[in-house]
Amino acid sequence: MAKVKTRAYDAANYIESPEDAVLLLEAAFEDGDAAVIAEAIGAVARSKGMSQVAQDTGLSRESLYRALSADGNPTLSTTLNVLNALGLRLSVSGRGPIA
């Protein structure tokens, strides 16, 4: 029996359009887990090219990889800068009355 080679799943390999990126991010924000959101933003950044995102944001590639991982905890400033570099923006919508 031949050995099966596996590799870790990386959503960045499957983002082929801006619509794919938006769908991934919408699902992450619906989940509501900060680690899932950071990882999804990281996947979108990797799909564009982390070097380009780093250049566009003025942040180092290493700090972006760290912040946009499942273990990362990016600041709001970093998150907004990365989304801006990706041509995206953060928006808010209500799901009911504010109590």
N, C-alpha and C. Protein backbone atom coordinates (compact mmCIF):
# COMPACT_ATOMS: atom_id res chain seq x y z
N MET A 1 0.84 -1.17 0.00
CA MET A 1 0.00 0.00 0.00
C MET A 1 0.90 1.24 0.00
N ALA A 2 0.61 2.17 -0.90
CA ALA A 2 1.39 3.40 -1.00
C ALA A 2 1.02 4.35 0.13
N LYS A 3 2.04 5.06 0.61
CA LYS A 3 1.78 6.05 1.66
C LYS A 3 1.07 7.25 1.06
N VAL A 4 0.13 7.77 1.80
CA VAL A 4 -0.61 8.95 1.38
C VAL A 4 0.08 10.18 1.95
N LYS A 5 0.39 11.12 1.08
CA LYS A 5 1.00 12.37 1.53
C LYS A 5 -0.11 13.38 1.77
N THR A 6 -0.04 14.01 2.91
CA THR A 6 -1.03 15.04 3.23
C THR A 6 -0.30 16.33 3.56
N ARG A 7 -1.02 17.40 3.46
CA ARG A 7 -0.47 18.69 3.87
C ARG A 7 -1.58 19.48 4.53
N ALA A 8 -1.19 20.43 5.33
CA ALA A 8 -2.15 21.24 6.06
C ALA A 8 -3.02 22.02 5.09
N TYR A 9 -4.30 22.13 5.41
CA TYR A 9 -5.23 22.92 4.60
C TYR A 9 -4.91 24.39 4.77
N ASP A 10 -4.87 25.11 3.68
CA ASP A 10 -4.66 26.55 3.71
C ASP A 10 -5.69 27.20 2.80
N ALA A 11 -6.62 27.91 3.40
CA ALA A 11 -7.69 28.56 2.62
C ALA A 11 -7.13 29.50 1.56
N ALA A 12 -5.93 30.03 1.78
CA ALA A 12 -5.32 30.96 0.82
C ALA A 12 -5.17 30.32 -0.56
N ASN A 13 -5.00 29.01 -0.60
CA ASN A 13 -4.83 28.30 -1.87
C ASN A 13 -6.12 28.22 -2.68
N TYR A 14 -7.25 28.57 -2.07
CA TYR A 14 -8.54 28.42 -2.72
C TYR A 14 -9.24 29.75 -2.97
N ILE A 15 -8.60 30.83 -2.63
CA ILE A 15 -9.17 32.16 -2.87
C ILE A 15 -8.75 32.59 -4.26
N GLU A 16 -9.71 32.57 -5.17
CA GLU A 16 -9.41 32.87 -6.58
C GLU A 16 -10.01 34.18 -7.05
N SER A 17 -10.82 34.81 -6.22
CA SER A 17 -11.48 36.05 -6.64
C SER A 17 -11.77 36.90 -5.41
N PRO A 18 -12.04 38.17 -5.62
CA PRO A 18 -12.44 39.01 -4.48
C PRO A 18 -13.69 38.48 -3.79
N GLU A 19 -14.58 37.87 -4.56
CA GLU A 19 -15.80 37.32 -3.98
C GLU A 19 -15.48 36.17 -3.03
N ASP A 20 -14.49 35.34 -3.40
CA ASP A 20 -14.07 34.25 -2.51
C ASP A 20 -13.56 34.81 -1.19
N ALA A 21 -12.77 35.88 -1.26
CA ALA A 21 -12.21 36.50 -0.06
C ALA A 21 -13.33 37.03 0.83
N VAL A 22 -14.29 37.70 0.22
CA VAL A 22 -15.40 38.27 0.99
C VAL A 22 -16.21 37.16 1.65
N LEU A 23 -16.48 36.09 0.94
CA LEU A 23 -17.25 34.98 1.51
C LEU A 23 -16.52 34.36 2.71
N LEU A 24 -15.21 34.18 2.59
CA LEU A 24 -14.43 33.62 3.69
C LEU A 24 -14.49 34.55 4.90
N LEU A 25 -14.31 35.84 4.68
CA LEU A 25 -14.33 36.80 5.79
C LEU A 25 -15.71 36.91 6.41
N GLU A 26 -16.76 36.89 5.59
CA GLU A 26 -18.12 36.93 6.15
C GLU A 26 -18.37 35.73 7.05
N ALA A 27 -17.94 34.55 6.61
CA ALA A 27 -18.13 33.35 7.43
C ALA A 27 -17.34 33.46 8.73
N ALA A 28 -16.13 34.00 8.66
CA ALA A 28 -15.32 34.15 9.87
C ALA A 28 -15.97 35.12 10.85
N PHE A 29 -16.47 36.25 10.35
CA PHE A 29 -17.12 37.21 11.23
C PHE A 29 -18.42 36.66 11.79
N GLU A 30 -19.13 35.86 11.03
CA GLU A 30 -20.35 35.22 11.55
C GLU A 30 -20.00 34.27 12.68
N ASP A 31 -18.86 33.58 12.57
CA ASP A 31 -18.42 32.68 13.63
C ASP A 31 -18.19 33.47 14.92
N GLY A 32 -17.59 34.65 14.79
CA GLY A 32 -17.41 35.53 15.94
C GLY A 32 -16.17 35.28 16.78
N ASP A 33 -15.41 34.25 16.46
CA ASP A 33 -14.20 33.93 17.22
C ASP A 33 -13.04 34.77 16.67
N ALA A 34 -12.39 35.53 17.53
CA ALA A 34 -11.31 36.42 17.09
C ALA A 34 -10.19 35.66 16.39
N ALA A 35 -9.87 34.46 16.85
CA ALA A 35 -8.82 33.67 16.22
C ALA A 35 -9.21 33.26 14.80
N VAL A 36 -10.47 32.92 14.62
CA VAL A 36 -10.97 32.53 13.28
C VAL A 36 -10.92 33.73 12.35
N ILE A 37 -11.30 34.90 12.86
CA ILE A 37 -11.27 36.12 12.05
C ILE A 37 -9.84 36.46 11.65
N ALA A 38 -8.92 36.44 12.60
CA ALA A 38 -7.52 36.75 12.31
C ALA A 38 -6.95 35.78 11.28
N GLU A 39 -7.26 34.51 11.44
CA GLU A 39 -6.76 33.49 10.51
C GLU A 39 -7.35 33.69 9.12
N ALA A 40 -8.62 34.06 9.03
CA ALA A 40 -9.24 34.30 7.72
C ALA A 40 -8.63 35.52 7.03
N ILE A 41 -8.40 36.58 7.79
CA ILE A 41 -7.74 37.76 7.21
C ILE A 41 -6.34 37.38 6.75
N GLY A 42 -5.66 36.56 7.52
CA GLY A 42 -4.33 36.08 7.13
C GLY A 42 -4.37 35.27 5.85
N ALA A 43 -5.39 34.44 5.68
CA ALA A 43 -5.52 33.64 4.46
C ALA A 43 -5.72 34.55 3.25
N VAL A 44 -6.55 35.56 3.40
CA VAL A 44 -6.77 36.49 2.30
C VAL A 44 -5.48 37.24 1.99
N ALA A 45 -4.76 37.64 3.01
CA ALA A 45 -3.48 38.34 2.80
C ALA A 45 -2.47 37.43 2.10
N ARG A 46 -2.39 36.17 2.50
CA ARG A 46 -1.48 35.23 1.84
C ARG A 46 -1.88 35.00 0.40
N SER A 47 -3.17 35.01 0.11
CA SER A 47 -3.61 34.79 -1.27
C SER A 47 -3.20 35.94 -2.17
N LYS A 48 -3.09 37.13 -1.61
CA LYS A 48 -2.64 38.30 -2.38
C LYS A 48 -1.12 38.35 -2.43
N GLY A 49 -0.49 37.86 -1.39
CA GLY A 49 0.97 37.92 -1.27
C GLY A 49 1.32 38.73 -0.04
N MET A 50 1.83 38.05 0.97
CA MET A 50 2.10 38.72 2.24
C MET A 50 3.15 39.81 2.08
N SER A 51 4.10 39.64 1.17
CA SER A 51 5.11 40.68 0.94
C SER A 51 4.46 41.96 0.45
N GLN A 52 3.50 41.82 -0.47
CA GLN A 52 2.81 43.00 -0.98
C GLN A 52 1.96 43.66 0.10
N VAL A 53 1.28 42.86 0.89
CA VAL A 53 0.46 43.40 1.98
C VAL A 53 1.36 44.11 2.99
N ALA A 54 2.50 43.52 3.30
CA ALA A 54 3.44 44.15 4.24
C ALA A 54 3.89 45.50 3.69
N GLN A 55 4.23 45.53 2.42
CA GLN A 55 4.66 46.79 1.80
C GLN A 55 3.54 47.82 1.84
N ASP A 56 2.32 47.40 1.53
CA ASP A 56 1.18 48.32 1.49
C ASP A 56 0.80 48.86 2.87
N THR A 57 1.05 48.07 3.90
CA THR A 57 0.69 48.49 5.26
C THR A 57 1.84 49.14 6.01
N GLY A 58 3.06 48.94 5.55
CA GLY A 58 4.22 49.45 6.27
C GLY A 58 4.60 48.60 7.46
N LEU A 59 4.04 47.40 7.53
CA LEU A 59 4.35 46.46 8.61
C LEU A 59 5.27 45.36 8.08
N SER A 60 5.99 44.69 8.96
CA SER A 60 6.86 43.62 8.50
C SER A 60 6.05 42.36 8.20
N ARG A 61 6.56 41.58 7.26
CA ARG A 61 5.91 40.31 6.92
C ARG A 61 5.81 39.42 8.15
N GLU A 62 6.87 39.36 8.92
CA GLU A 62 6.91 38.49 10.09
C GLU A 62 5.83 38.88 11.11
N SER A 63 5.68 40.19 11.34
CA SER A 63 4.67 40.61 12.31
C SER A 63 3.27 40.34 11.77
N LEU A 64 3.08 40.45 10.46
CA LEU A 64 1.77 40.14 9.88
C LEU A 64 1.46 38.65 10.00
N TYR A 65 2.44 37.81 9.69
CA TYR A 65 2.22 36.36 9.84
C TYR A 65 1.85 36.02 11.27
N ARG A 66 2.54 36.63 12.23
CA ARG A 66 2.28 36.37 13.64
C ARG A 66 0.88 36.86 14.03
N ALA A 67 0.57 38.10 13.67
CA ALA A 67 -0.71 38.70 14.08
C ALA A 67 -1.90 38.02 13.41
N LEU A 68 -1.72 37.58 12.17
CA LEU A 68 -2.84 37.03 11.40
C LEU A 68 -2.83 35.51 11.38
N SER A 69 -2.45 34.93 12.50
CA SER A 69 -2.50 33.48 12.66
C SER A 69 -3.59 33.15 13.68
N ALA A 70 -3.87 31.87 13.83
CA ALA A 70 -4.89 31.45 14.80
C ALA A 70 -4.48 31.84 16.22
N ASP A 71 -3.19 31.95 16.47
CA ASP A 71 -2.70 32.33 17.80
C ASP A 71 -2.47 33.83 17.91
N GLY A 72 -2.64 34.55 16.81
CA GLY A 72 -2.38 35.99 16.81
C GLY A 72 -3.50 36.77 17.46
N ASN A 73 -3.20 38.02 17.72
CA ASN A 73 -4.20 38.91 18.31
C ASN A 73 -3.93 40.31 17.74
N PRO A 74 -4.30 40.52 16.45
CA PRO A 74 -3.97 41.79 15.82
C PRO A 74 -4.73 42.95 16.46
N THR A 75 -4.07 44.09 16.48
CA THR A 75 -4.75 45.29 16.97
C THR A 75 -5.79 45.70 15.93
N LEU A 76 -6.71 46.54 16.35
CA LEU A 76 -7.71 47.05 15.41
C LEU A 76 -7.01 47.83 14.30
N SER A 77 -5.98 48.57 14.65
CA SER A 77 -5.22 49.34 13.67
C SER A 77 -4.61 48.43 12.61
N THR A 78 -3.98 47.34 13.04
CA THR A 78 -3.39 46.38 12.09
C THR A 78 -4.47 45.77 11.22
N THR A 79 -5.58 45.38 11.83
CA THR A 79 -6.68 44.77 11.08
C THR A 79 -7.19 45.73 10.01
N LEU A 80 -7.43 46.97 10.38
CA LEU A 80 -7.93 47.95 9.41
C LEU A 80 -6.91 48.23 8.31
N ASN A 81 -5.63 48.33 8.67
CA ASN A 81 -4.59 48.55 7.67
C ASN A 81 -4.52 47.40 6.67
N VAL A 82 -4.60 46.17 7.17
CA VAL A 82 -4.54 45.01 6.29
C VAL A 82 -5.77 44.96 5.39
N LEU A 83 -6.95 45.15 5.97
CA LEU A 83 -8.16 45.15 5.15
C LEU A 83 -8.09 46.23 4.07
N ASN A 84 -7.61 47.40 4.43
CA ASN A 84 -7.46 48.47 3.46
C ASN A 84 -6.49 48.07 2.34
N ALA A 85 -5.37 47.46 2.70
CA ALA A 85 -4.39 47.01 1.71
C ALA A 85 -4.97 45.96 0.78
N LEU A 86 -5.95 45.21 1.28
CA LEU A 86 -6.61 44.18 0.48
C LEU A 86 -7.77 44.73 -0.34
N GLY A 87 -8.03 46.02 -0.20
CA GLY A 87 -9.15 46.62 -0.93
C GLY A 87 -10.49 46.32 -0.28
N LEU A 88 -10.47 46.03 1.03
CA LEU A 88 -11.68 45.70 1.76
C LEU A 88 -11.91 46.73 2.85
N ARG A 89 -13.11 46.76 3.38
CA ARG A 89 -13.39 47.63 4.52
C ARG A 89 -14.27 46.89 5.50
N LEU A 90 -14.17 47.28 6.73
CA LEU A 90 -14.95 46.68 7.81
C LEU A 90 -16.26 47.45 7.92
N SER A 91 -17.36 46.74 8.01
CA SER A 91 -18.65 47.40 8.20
C SER A 91 -19.43 46.67 9.29
N VAL A 92 -20.42 47.33 9.79
CA VAL A 92 -21.23 46.78 10.87
C VAL A 92 -22.69 46.80 10.45
N SER A 93 -23.41 45.74 10.79
CA SER A 93 -24.85 45.74 10.56
C SER A 93 -25.51 45.21 11.82
N GLY A 94 -26.72 45.64 12.04
CA GLY A 94 -27.44 45.23 13.24
C GLY A 94 -28.10 43.89 13.06
N ARG A 95 -28.29 43.21 14.16
CA ARG A 95 -29.04 41.94 14.15
C ARG A 95 -30.19 42.00 15.11
N GLY A 96 -30.51 43.20 15.54
CA GLY A 96 -31.61 43.38 16.46
C GLY A 96 -31.46 44.71 17.17
N PRO A 97 -32.42 45.04 18.02
CA PRO A 97 -32.35 46.32 18.73
C PRO A 97 -31.19 46.35 19.72
N ILE A 98 -30.61 47.53 19.85
CA ILE A 98 -29.56 47.73 20.85
C ILE A 98 -30.23 47.94 22.19
N ALA A 99 -29.86 47.11 23.14
CA ALA A 99 -30.50 47.18 24.46
C ALA A 99 -29.70 48.01 25.42
